[in-house]
Amino acid sequence: MLLPPNINMKILLTLLAITLSFTSALKAADPTKPYSLTTCIVSGDTLDSMGKPVVVVYEGQEIKFCCKRCIKKFNANPAKYMKDIEIAKSKKSS
């Protein structure tokens, strides 16, 4: 059985409103910490030195690399680079 057109539109608008509010709630709850450095944590080069920076989220921390090759180096020893990020952030805030 088909519903009258005005009811279909009401259902559609309600679903749209629910979807938009859910999406907004997800964005607000995003615990990802932004990457505040202007250089690649692996190479030390400026983020745009090899074109557009490559962005990865690792354990809730956004990390920007100058190139994909640096991601491989990061993955070989992520604890070292995560510590380096924390040190760099603390120096920046001092």
Protein backbone atom coordinates (compact mmCIF):
# COMPACT_ATOMS: atom_id res chain seq x y z
CA MET A 1 0.00 0.00 0.00
CA LEU A 2 1.34 3.39 -0.99
CA LEU A 3 1.20 6.27 1.43
CA PRO A 4 -0.10 9.65 0.34
CA PRO A 5 2.69 11.82 -1.12
CA ASN A 6 2.64 14.28 1.79
CA ILE A 7 3.30 11.47 4.29
CA ASN A 8 6.21 10.14 2.23
CA MET A 9 7.74 13.62 2.23
CA LYS A 10 7.28 13.92 6.01
CA ILE A 11 9.03 10.59 6.53
CA LEU A 12 11.83 11.58 4.19
CA LEU A 13 12.36 14.92 5.95
CA THR A 14 12.32 13.24 9.36
CA LEU A 15 14.93 10.71 8.26
CA LEU A 16 17.06 13.51 6.82
CA ALA A 17 16.88 15.46 10.08
CA ILE A 18 17.83 12.38 12.11
CA THR A 19 20.76 11.64 9.81
CA LEU A 20 22.06 15.21 10.00
CA SER A 21 21.84 15.32 13.79
CA PHE A 22 23.57 11.94 14.07
CA THR A 23 26.38 13.08 11.77
CA SER A 24 26.84 16.27 13.79
CA ALA A 25 26.98 14.26 17.02
CA LEU A 26 29.66 11.99 15.57
CA LYS A 27 31.80 14.94 14.52
CA ALA A 28 31.46 16.54 17.95
CA ALA A 29 32.50 13.29 19.65
CA ASP A 30 35.59 12.82 17.44
CA PRO A 31 38.47 12.41 19.89
CA THR A 32 41.19 12.79 17.26
CA LYS A 33 43.93 15.13 18.43
CA PRO A 34 45.05 17.52 15.66
CA TYR A 35 48.62 17.49 14.37
CA SER A 36 49.98 20.90 15.33
CA LEU A 37 53.44 20.69 13.77
CA THR A 38 54.38 22.21 10.42
CA THR A 39 57.00 19.57 9.65
CA CYS A 40 56.98 15.83 9.02
CA ILE A 41 57.77 14.01 12.28
CA VAL A 42 59.87 11.45 10.38
CA SER A 43 61.95 13.49 7.94
CA GLY A 44 61.78 16.95 9.51
CA ASP A 45 60.86 18.42 6.11
CA THR A 46 58.03 20.91 5.73
CA LEU A 47 54.75 19.14 5.17
CA ASP A 48 54.30 20.46 1.64
CA SER A 49 57.88 19.69 0.53
CA MET A 50 56.77 16.61 -1.44
CA GLY A 51 53.34 17.86 -2.52
CA LYS A 52 50.17 17.53 -0.51
CA PRO A 53 50.79 16.11 3.01
CA VAL A 54 49.64 12.56 3.74
CA VAL A 55 47.33 12.41 6.78
CA VAL A 56 46.98 9.33 9.02
CA VAL A 57 45.30 8.85 12.40
CA TYR A 58 47.27 6.66 14.79
CA GLU A 59 45.76 5.83 18.20
CA GLY A 60 43.59 8.96 18.16
CA GLN A 61 46.40 11.29 17.03
CA GLU A 62 46.33 12.86 13.59
CA ILE A 63 49.76 12.69 11.99
CA LYS A 64 50.82 14.46 8.82
CA PHE A 65 53.69 13.18 6.71
CA CYS A 66 55.50 14.83 3.83
CA CYS A 67 55.23 11.61 1.77
CA LYS A 68 54.06 7.99 1.85
CA ARG A 69 57.62 6.74 2.33
CA CYS A 70 57.66 8.38 5.78
CA ILE A 71 54.57 6.39 6.81
CA LYS A 72 56.56 3.18 6.34
CA LYS A 73 59.37 4.54 8.50
CA PHE A 74 56.83 5.64 11.13
CA ASN A 75 55.22 2.19 11.17
CA ALA A 76 58.62 0.59 11.85
CA ASN A 77 58.82 2.42 15.22
CA PRO A 78 55.61 4.31 16.02
CA ALA A 79 56.38 4.65 19.74
CA LYS A 80 59.51 6.69 18.98
CA TYR A 81 57.66 9.08 16.70
CA MET A 82 54.66 9.41 19.02
CA LYS A 83 57.07 10.39 21.80
CA ASP A 84 58.73 12.88 19.44
CA ILE A 85 55.31 14.41 18.69
CA GLU A 86 54.60 14.84 22.42
CA ILE A 87 58.02 16.41 22.99
CA ALA A 88 57.56 18.79 20.06
CA LYS A 89 54.07 19.78 21.31
CA SER A 90 55.36 20.48 24.81
CA LYS A 91 58.21 22.64 23.41
CA LYS A 92 55.72 24.51 21.23
CA SER A 93 53.41 25.28 24.17
CA SER A 94 56.31 26.47 26.41
